[in-house]
Amino acid sequence: MEANIRNLLPAKFSGKGLFISVISLILFVGVIIYAVYEVTKATVEISIDGEVLVYDTHANTLADFMMEHNWDVQEHDLIEPALETEITDSMEVVWKQAKEVLVTIDGKQETVWTIEDTVEALFAELNITYTEHDHIFPAVTTDITESLEVLFESAFQVVISSDGEQQEFWTTSTTVADFLEKEDVSLGELDRVEPALEEKLDKDAQIQIVRVEKVTDVVEEAVSFGTVTQKDDSLESGTEKVVNAGSEGKVKKHYEVILEDGEEVSRELVKEETVSESQDRVVAVGTKPKPVQVARSTTPSQSAANSSASESSNNKSDGKTFTVTATAYTAGCNGCSGITATGINLKNNPNMKVIAVDPNVIPLGSRVEVEGYGIAIAGDTGGSINGNKIDVHVPTKAEAQRWGRKQVKITVLD
């Protein structure tokens, strides 16, 4: 029987030929099946963070496709279309993986997940508006990378008053000291800042810089001289003679002066040195007894004359009160030196009470009480001051004009 079957088959299907034919058939069928499998795949084009890849897949949904490639899609990632979308041929998929970023906004930190590409896009996502004055680090053009740290400090205006000027600045500084350092504002050792350097800066803050200087001021001042009297028995009693007119001394006073913005606020005397000593005014007072005159008989006319002379004598410096004609003068008159006949410098002592007298009526150096003027020193003379006439010293021409010419009572005190 077997022999009969073999005889019925063609020769080429017998033996090894038959085995080869079976194998070939199996391979052919496999190729057909594989071809059909491949032909039935869908083509998917996926963009992963900007990199485009192409895959063929039999997956039913986009989620199956992602699982097929062991890709883990995180909560904050962007994937389009949605994972439950069915796969179609020539499908385009976009997958942007979110990155973790640490953002500090005006001192407050928070962690955000973002799919944005730059800091600028991240600020737009977070609704952060910024200006050229704000402090941003890194720059807004910086690409977002994993674990990037972003710092944002919003600027505010500060008004600073210094050196007589007022200026406005935009700043993100937290303290007065930090602001002055950033704006390169230099401070002197004694300068004062209000508010203090360690104080926090707030919106619309006002900073006042007071420039403080410590300087030394040297002032030369006159030292008044005194008046001394000495007895002189060569002079007739009741008469005086100026032996030494006296002279003022000079002293240098060193002051430590504190200036704030150029204005003096305090002055302290730290040293005093004598330039020249003052010289006392010396007045000789006569002690020689007056000669006694013998009384003679007189005619009525001579008696009247003697009576007049006696009255005139009583008007001399005998401590009594009498009336004189008084005018006024100043040390600043044209041609005036300001130095009296006894050496008093009226320009250095404008308020000193001095009167010009006729030495034959009122001795120089005497203290005289003048009605409406006060107690003065008879320290000056004048070409027109003769007899019962005096000239009172006043500080200004206006006061001299107001004084005018008047009759006053005077008393020679000593």
Protein backbone atom coordinates (compact mmCIF):
# COMPACT_ATOMS: atom_id res chain seq x y z
CA MET A 1 0.00 0.00 0.00
CA GLU A 2 2.72 2.43 1.03
CA ALA A 3 4.52 1.60 -2.11
CA ASN A 4 1.43 2.37 -4.06
CA ILE A 5 1.06 5.84 -2.51
CA ARG A 6 4.66 6.73 -3.18
CA ASN A 7 4.19 5.59 -6.71
CA LEU A 8 1.21 7.94 -7.05
CA LEU A 9 3.21 11.05 -5.80
CA PRO A 10 5.47 12.87 -8.17
CA ALA A 11 9.05 12.11 -7.75
CA LYS A 12 9.85 15.62 -6.50
CA PHE A 13 7.63 15.08 -3.40
CA SER A 14 9.37 12.06 -2.24
CA GLY A 15 12.14 11.86 0.35
CA LYS A 16 14.06 15.02 1.17
CA GLY A 17 12.11 16.97 -1.35
CA LEU A 18 8.97 16.48 0.65
CA PHE A 19 10.56 17.79 3.89
CA ILE A 20 11.84 20.85 2.18
CA SER A 21 8.48 21.56 0.67
CA VAL A 22 6.75 21.36 4.08
CA ILE A 23 9.26 23.69 5.69
CA SER A 24 8.90 26.15 2.86
CA LEU A 25 5.15 26.10 3.22
CA ILE A 26 5.41 26.80 6.96
CA LEU A 27 7.79 29.71 6.37
CA PHE A 28 5.55 31.13 3.69
CA VAL A 29 2.55 31.00 5.96
CA GLY A 30 4.61 32.67 8.75
CA VAL A 31 5.69 35.44 6.46
CA ILE A 32 2.11 35.99 5.38
CA ILE A 33 0.97 36.13 9.01
CA TYR A 34 3.80 38.54 9.99
CA ALA A 35 3.10 40.73 7.00
CA VAL A 36 -0.57 40.86 7.91
CA TYR A 37 0.43 41.71 11.57
CA GLU A 38 2.72 44.48 10.53
CA VAL A 39 0.34 45.91 8.02
CA THR A 40 -2.39 46.15 10.64
CA LYS A 41 -0.21 48.29 13.05
CA ALA A 42 -1.01 52.00 13.55
CA THR A 43 1.78 54.58 13.20
CA VAL A 44 2.13 57.00 16.16
CA GLU A 45 4.32 60.12 16.08
CA ILE A 46 5.10 61.29 19.63
CA SER A 47 6.92 64.51 20.62
CA ILE A 48 8.64 64.07 24.00
CA ASP A 49 9.87 67.45 25.36
CA GLY A 50 10.43 68.60 21.80
CA GLU A 51 12.09 65.39 20.52
CA VAL A 52 9.95 63.64 17.86
CA LEU A 53 9.83 59.81 17.75
CA VAL A 54 7.80 57.50 15.44
CA TYR A 55 6.39 54.12 16.56
CA ASP A 56 4.11 51.43 15.09
CA THR A 57 1.73 49.85 17.57
CA HIS A 58 -1.24 47.53 18.00
CA ALA A 59 -2.21 49.31 21.24
CA ASN A 60 -5.87 50.24 21.45
CA THR A 61 -5.53 53.47 23.51
CA LEU A 62 -2.86 56.03 24.14
CA ALA A 63 -2.60 54.73 27.73
CA ASP A 64 -1.88 51.22 26.36
CA PHE A 65 0.69 52.69 24.04
CA MET A 66 2.48 54.47 26.94
CA MET A 67 2.41 51.28 29.03
CA GLU A 68 3.74 49.33 26.04
CA HIS A 69 6.88 51.45 26.23
CA ASN A 70 7.00 51.56 30.04
CA TRP A 71 6.59 55.34 30.01
CA ASP A 72 5.36 56.79 33.31
CA VAL A 73 3.17 59.86 32.86
CA GLN A 74 3.16 62.05 36.02
CA GLU A 75 0.27 64.07 37.41
CA HIS A 76 1.63 67.48 36.27
CA ASP A 77 2.77 66.30 32.80
CA LEU A 78 1.02 67.55 29.68
CA ILE A 79 -0.09 64.82 27.25
CA GLU A 80 -2.26 65.51 24.22
CA PRO A 81 -4.57 63.97 23.31
CA ALA A 82 -5.81 62.42 26.56
CA LEU A 83 -4.59 59.00 27.64
CA GLU A 84 -8.00 57.39 27.05
CA THR A 85 -7.94 58.40 23.36
CA GLU A 86 -8.05 55.44 20.92
CA ILE A 87 -5.03 54.92 18.70
CA THR A 88 -5.43 55.82 15.08
CA ASP A 89 -2.99 55.56 12.21
CA SER A 90 -0.68 58.57 11.77
CA MET A 91 -1.63 59.80 15.21
CA GLU A 92 0.39 62.74 16.64
CA VAL A 93 1.00 62.84 20.38
CA VAL A 94 2.62 65.64 22.46
CA TRP A 95 4.10 64.79 25.86
CA LYS A 96 5.73 67.54 27.97
CA GLN A 97 7.20 66.33 31.22
CA ALA A 98 6.74 68.72 34.19
CA LYS A 99 9.78 69.95 36.12
CA GLU A 100 9.96 70.82 39.81
CA VAL A 101 11.02 74.44 40.45
CA LEU A 102 11.60 76.27 43.78
CA VAL A 103 10.20 79.81 43.50
CA THR A 104 10.82 82.52 46.15
CA ILE A 105 8.50 85.54 45.81
CA ASP A 106 9.27 88.49 48.13
CA GLY A 107 10.69 86.12 50.74
CA LYS A 108 7.95 83.47 50.49
CA GLN A 109 9.07 80.08 49.11
CA GLU A 110 6.93 77.58 47.27
CA THR A 111 7.54 74.52 45.09
CA VAL A 112 5.79 74.45 41.71
CA TRP A 113 5.57 71.96 38.87
CA THR A 114 5.67 73.43 35.40
CA ILE A 115 5.81 72.40 31.77
CA GLU A 116 6.90 75.89 30.70
CA ASP A 117 10.22 76.30 28.91
CA THR A 118 11.50 79.62 30.36
CA VAL A 119 11.33 81.66 33.56
CA GLU A 120 9.33 84.29 31.70
CA ALA A 121 6.70 81.71 30.71
CA LEU A 122 6.66 80.40 34.29
CA PHE A 123 5.91 83.94 35.60
CA ALA A 124 3.04 84.22 33.11
CA GLU A 125 1.71 80.86 34.34
CA LEU A 126 1.91 82.10 37.96
CA ASN A 127 0.38 85.52 37.06
CA ILE A 128 3.51 87.34 38.26
CA THR A 129 3.90 90.76 36.65
CA TYR A 130 7.29 92.42 36.80
CA THR A 131 9.04 95.66 35.83
CA GLU A 132 12.57 96.63 34.97
CA HIS A 133 13.16 97.67 38.60
CA ASP A 134 12.31 94.27 40.10
CA HIS A 135 15.06 91.84 41.04
CA ILE A 136 14.79 88.48 39.20
CA PHE A 137 17.34 85.68 39.33
CA PRO A 138 18.10 83.97 37.07
CA ALA A 139 17.05 86.14 34.11
CA VAL A 140 13.60 85.68 32.60
CA THR A 141 15.19 84.25 29.43
CA THR A 142 16.67 81.32 31.38
CA ASP A 143 15.49 77.83 30.37
CA ILE A 144 13.61 75.83 32.99
CA THR A 145 15.60 72.85 34.29
CA GLU A 146 14.85 70.29 36.98
CA SER A 147 15.19 71.70 40.54
CA LEU A 148 15.82 75.24 39.26
CA GLU A 149 15.64 77.95 41.99
CA VAL A 150 14.01 81.23 40.98
CA LEU A 151 14.13 84.42 43.09
CA PHE A 152 11.71 87.34 42.58
CA GLU A 153 11.79 90.56 44.63
CA SER A 154 9.33 93.30 43.72
CA ALA A 155 10.76 96.83 43.76
CA PHE A 156 9.24 99.81 45.59
CA GLN A 157 10.02 103.52 45.73
CA VAL A 158 12.14 105.17 48.44
CA VAL A 159 12.72 108.92 48.88
CA ILE A 160 16.14 110.01 50.16
CA SER A 161 17.01 113.53 51.33
CA SER A 162 20.72 114.33 51.44
CA ASP A 163 23.06 117.27 50.79
CA GLY A 164 20.15 119.63 50.20
CA GLU A 165 18.58 117.43 47.51
CA GLN A 166 15.67 114.99 47.42
CA GLN A 167 15.73 111.95 45.11
CA GLU A 168 13.49 108.97 44.41
CA PHE A 169 14.86 105.43 43.97
CA TRP A 170 13.40 102.05 43.08
CA THR A 171 14.78 99.36 45.34
CA THR A 172 14.32 95.81 46.56
CA SER A 173 16.50 96.32 49.63
CA THR A 174 15.22 95.07 52.96
CA THR A 175 17.07 97.47 55.30
CA VAL A 176 18.31 101.06 55.20
CA ALA A 177 21.94 99.90 55.32
CA ASP A 178 21.43 97.50 52.40
CA PHE A 179 19.76 100.24 50.35
CA LEU A 180 22.56 102.78 50.95
CA GLU A 181 25.18 100.17 50.04
CA LYS A 182 23.42 99.21 46.80
CA GLU A 183 22.99 102.85 45.77
CA ASP A 184 26.63 103.59 46.69
CA VAL A 185 25.66 106.35 49.14
CA SER A 186 28.72 107.16 51.27
CA LEU A 187 28.42 108.16 54.92
CA GLY A 188 30.86 110.16 57.00
CA GLU A 189 31.97 108.91 60.39
CA LEU A 190 29.66 111.33 62.21
CA ASP A 191 26.76 111.41 59.73
CA ARG A 192 23.32 110.56 61.09
CA VAL A 193 20.72 108.52 59.22
CA GLU A 194 17.01 108.55 59.98
CA PRO A 195 15.58 105.93 60.25
CA ALA A 196 18.52 103.94 61.66
CA LEU A 197 20.63 101.71 59.41
CA GLU A 198 19.22 98.48 60.84
CA GLU A 199 15.59 99.53 60.28
CA LYS A 200 13.52 97.67 57.66
CA LEU A 201 12.50 99.51 54.52
CA ASP A 202 8.84 99.74 53.61
CA LYS A 203 6.98 101.08 50.60
CA ASP A 204 7.23 104.89 50.25
CA ALA A 205 9.89 105.05 53.00
CA GLN A 206 11.73 108.36 53.46
CA ILE A 207 15.39 108.39 54.42
CA GLN A 208 17.05 111.52 55.83
CA ILE A 209 20.85 111.79 55.84
CA VAL A 210 22.21 114.52 58.11
CA ARG A 211 25.80 115.42 57.31
CA VAL A 212 27.62 116.03 60.60
CA GLU A 213 30.98 117.79 60.81
CA LYS A 214 33.23 118.61 63.74
CA VAL A 215 35.43 121.66 63.15
CA THR A 216 37.66 123.92 65.23
CA ASP A 217 36.95 127.65 65.26
CA VAL A 218 39.60 130.01 66.63
CA VAL A 219 38.30 133.41 67.71
CA GLU A 220 40.49 136.31 68.82
CA GLU A 221 38.80 138.46 71.45
CA ALA A 222 39.76 141.69 73.18
CA VAL A 223 40.29 141.77 76.92
CA SER A 224 39.15 145.01 78.56
CA PHE A 225 41.59 146.90 80.73
CA GLY A 226 40.94 148.17 84.22
CA THR A 227 41.46 151.64 85.70
CA VAL A 228 43.63 152.21 88.74
CA THR A 229 44.26 155.45 90.58
CA GLN A 230 47.37 156.54 92.43
CA LYS A 231 47.92 159.49 94.68
CA ASP A 232 50.21 162.22 93.44
CA ASP A 233 51.27 164.94 95.84
CA SER A 234 52.66 167.02 92.99
CA LEU A 235 49.16 167.58 91.70
CA GLU A 236 46.77 169.97 93.36
CA SER A 237 43.96 168.30 95.24
CA GLY A 238 40.88 167.80 93.06
CA THR A 239 42.85 167.39 89.83
CA GLU A 240 43.73 164.21 87.95
CA LYS A 241 46.21 163.25 85.31
CA VAL A 242 46.20 160.21 83.05
CA VAL A 243 49.59 158.56 83.51
CA ASN A 244 48.89 155.54 81.27
CA ALA A 245 45.95 155.45 78.85
CA GLY A 246 45.83 151.66 79.18
CA SER A 247 45.46 149.10 76.40
CA GLU A 248 43.32 146.08 75.71
CA GLY A 249 44.74 142.57 75.77
CA LYS A 250 44.01 139.80 73.28
CA VAL A 251 43.09 136.17 73.80
CA LYS A 252 42.56 133.31 71.36
CA LYS A 253 39.69 131.00 72.13
CA HIS A 254 39.54 127.57 70.47
CA TYR A 255 36.01 126.19 70.06
CA GLU A 256 34.92 122.72 68.97
CA VAL A 257 31.96 123.35 66.68
CA ILE A 258 29.41 120.75 65.53
CA LEU A 259 27.73 121.44 62.18
CA GLU A 260 24.69 119.60 60.86
CA ASP A 261 24.13 120.14 57.13
CA GLY A 262 26.34 123.21 57.42
CA GLU A 263 24.41 124.76 60.32
CA GLU A 264 26.05 125.19 63.73
CA VAL A 265 24.24 123.23 66.44
CA SER A 266 26.75 123.34 69.30
CA ARG A 267 29.95 125.11 70.33
CA GLU A 268 32.26 124.13 73.17
CA LEU A 269 35.35 126.02 74.41
CA VAL A 270 38.24 123.57 74.50
CA LYS A 271 41.30 125.83 74.83
CA GLU A 272 42.17 129.43 75.56
CA GLU A 273 45.52 131.11 75.03
CA THR A 274 46.67 134.66 75.81
CA VAL A 275 48.07 136.62 72.86
CA SER A 276 48.82 139.81 74.80
CA GLU A 277 48.10 141.02 78.32
CA SER A 278 45.90 144.06 78.92
CA GLN A 279 47.53 147.15 80.44
CA ASP A 280 45.64 148.99 83.16
CA ARG A 281 44.76 152.64 82.70
CA VAL A 282 46.57 154.62 85.41
CA VAL A 283 45.17 157.92 86.67
CA ALA A 284 47.10 160.15 89.09
CA VAL A 285 44.91 161.89 91.66
CA GLY A 286 46.27 165.11 93.15
CA THR A 287 46.70 165.37 96.92
CA LYS A 288 48.54 168.69 97.12
CA PRO A 289 46.54 171.19 99.20
CA LYS A 290 45.10 174.16 97.30
CA PRO A 291 46.68 177.53 98.10
CA VAL A 292 44.66 179.75 100.48
CA GLN A 293 43.77 183.08 98.95
CA VAL A 294 43.57 186.22 101.15
CA ALA A 295 40.25 187.97 100.96
CA ARG A 296 40.39 191.53 99.59
CA SER A 297 37.89 194.29 99.50
CA THR A 298 36.11 194.35 96.21
CA THR A 299 33.96 196.66 94.29
CA PRO A 300 30.42 195.59 93.58
CA SER A 301 31.44 194.54 90.08
CA GLN A 302 34.35 192.49 91.40
CA SER A 303 32.04 190.94 93.97
CA ALA A 304 29.68 189.84 91.22
CA ALA A 305 32.58 188.40 89.23
CA ASN A 306 33.88 186.51 92.26
CA SER A 307 30.38 185.20 92.88
CA SER A 308 30.23 183.93 89.30
CA ALA A 309 33.68 182.32 89.62
CA SER A 310 32.61 180.70 92.86
CA GLU A 311 29.51 179.30 91.18
CA SER A 312 31.63 177.97 88.33
CA SER A 313 33.99 176.38 90.86
CA ASN A 314 31.05 174.69 92.53
CA ASN A 315 30.20 173.16 89.19
CA LYS A 316 33.53 171.30 89.13
CA SER A 317 33.90 167.66 90.16
CA ASP A 318 32.93 168.08 93.77
CA GLY A 319 30.26 165.32 93.79
CA LYS A 320 27.41 167.72 93.28
CA THR A 321 24.73 167.59 90.63
CA PHE A 322 24.56 170.24 87.93
CA THR A 323 23.05 170.74 84.50
CA VAL A 324 24.93 170.40 81.20
CA THR A 325 24.13 170.45 77.50
CA ALA A 326 24.35 166.90 76.12
CA THR A 327 24.78 165.76 72.52
CA ALA A 328 25.58 162.26 71.20
CA TYR A 329 28.23 160.68 68.92
CA THR A 330 29.27 157.24 67.59
CA ALA A 331 32.62 155.54 67.07
CA GLY A 332 31.80 155.05 63.38
CA CYS A 333 31.71 158.71 62.39
CA ASN A 334 33.74 159.88 59.39
CA GLY A 335 37.38 160.35 60.37
CA CYS A 336 36.87 158.76 63.79
CA SER A 337 39.41 156.16 64.93
CA GLY A 338 37.10 154.71 67.54
CA ILE A 339 39.82 155.14 70.22
CA THR A 340 39.01 157.63 72.99
CA ALA A 341 41.42 160.11 74.54
CA THR A 342 41.94 157.64 77.39
CA GLY A 343 42.53 154.63 75.05
CA ILE A 344 39.11 152.97 75.13
CA ASN A 345 38.34 151.10 71.86
CA LEU A 346 34.68 151.91 71.27
CA LYS A 347 34.53 149.87 68.04
CA ASN A 348 35.31 146.73 70.01
CA ASN A 349 32.98 147.86 72.81
CA PRO A 350 30.02 149.48 70.99
CA ASN A 351 27.71 149.27 73.99
CA MET A 352 30.14 150.78 76.51
CA LYS A 353 28.83 153.93 78.20
CA VAL A 354 31.44 156.68 77.73
CA ILE A 355 31.07 160.46 77.65
CA ALA A 356 33.33 163.15 76.23
CA VAL A 357 33.93 165.96 78.72
CA ASP A 358 35.90 169.12 79.36
CA PRO A 359 38.60 167.85 81.77
CA ASN A 360 38.60 171.26 83.46
CA VAL A 361 34.98 170.63 84.50
CA ILE A 362 34.82 166.81 84.83
CA PRO A 363 38.11 164.95 85.41
CA LEU A 364 38.92 162.19 82.93
CA GLY A 365 38.33 158.74 84.40
CA SER A 366 35.48 159.91 86.61
CA ARG A 367 32.27 157.93 86.92
CA VAL A 368 29.36 160.16 86.02
CA GLU A 369 25.64 159.51 86.28
CA VAL A 370 23.86 161.11 83.32
CA GLU A 371 20.12 161.68 83.33
CA GLY A 372 18.47 159.50 80.68
CA TYR A 373 21.75 157.70 79.84
CA GLY A 374 23.03 155.99 82.98
CA ILE A 375 26.40 155.72 84.70
CA ALA A 376 29.27 156.37 82.30
CA ILE A 377 33.02 156.87 82.30
CA ALA A 378 34.39 160.30 81.47
CA GLY A 379 36.78 158.77 78.97
CA ASP A 380 36.94 161.10 76.00
CA THR A 381 37.39 164.76 75.02
CA GLY A 382 36.40 166.80 72.00
CA GLY A 383 37.29 170.09 70.35
CA SER A 384 33.78 171.42 70.79
CA ILE A 385 33.30 170.02 74.30
CA ASN A 386 34.01 173.03 76.52
CA GLY A 387 32.56 174.06 79.87
CA ASN A 388 29.27 172.55 80.94
CA LYS A 389 28.84 170.39 77.87
CA ILE A 390 29.15 166.61 77.32
CA ASP A 391 28.91 164.20 74.36
CA VAL A 392 27.44 160.73 75.13
CA HIS A 393 28.58 157.67 73.15
CA VAL A 394 25.86 155.53 71.52
CA PRO A 395 26.23 152.43 69.27
CA THR A 396 24.50 153.75 66.12
CA LYS A 397 23.96 156.97 64.20
CA ALA A 398 20.19 156.49 64.45
CA GLU A 399 20.44 156.55 68.25
CA ALA A 400 22.62 159.66 68.08
CA GLN A 401 20.00 161.41 65.94
CA ARG A 402 17.24 160.42 68.34
CA TRP A 403 19.25 161.82 71.29
CA GLY A 404 19.70 165.19 69.61
CA ARG A 405 20.69 168.08 71.89
CA LYS A 406 19.17 168.36 75.35
CA GLN A 407 19.74 169.74 78.84
CA VAL A 408 20.38 166.96 81.39
CA LYS A 409 21.40 166.71 84.98
CA ILE A 410 24.63 164.90 85.82
CA THR A 411 26.29 163.82 89.02
CA VAL A 412 30.03 163.23 89.30
CA LEU A 413 30.25 160.11 91.46
CA ASP A 414 34.02 159.79 91.90
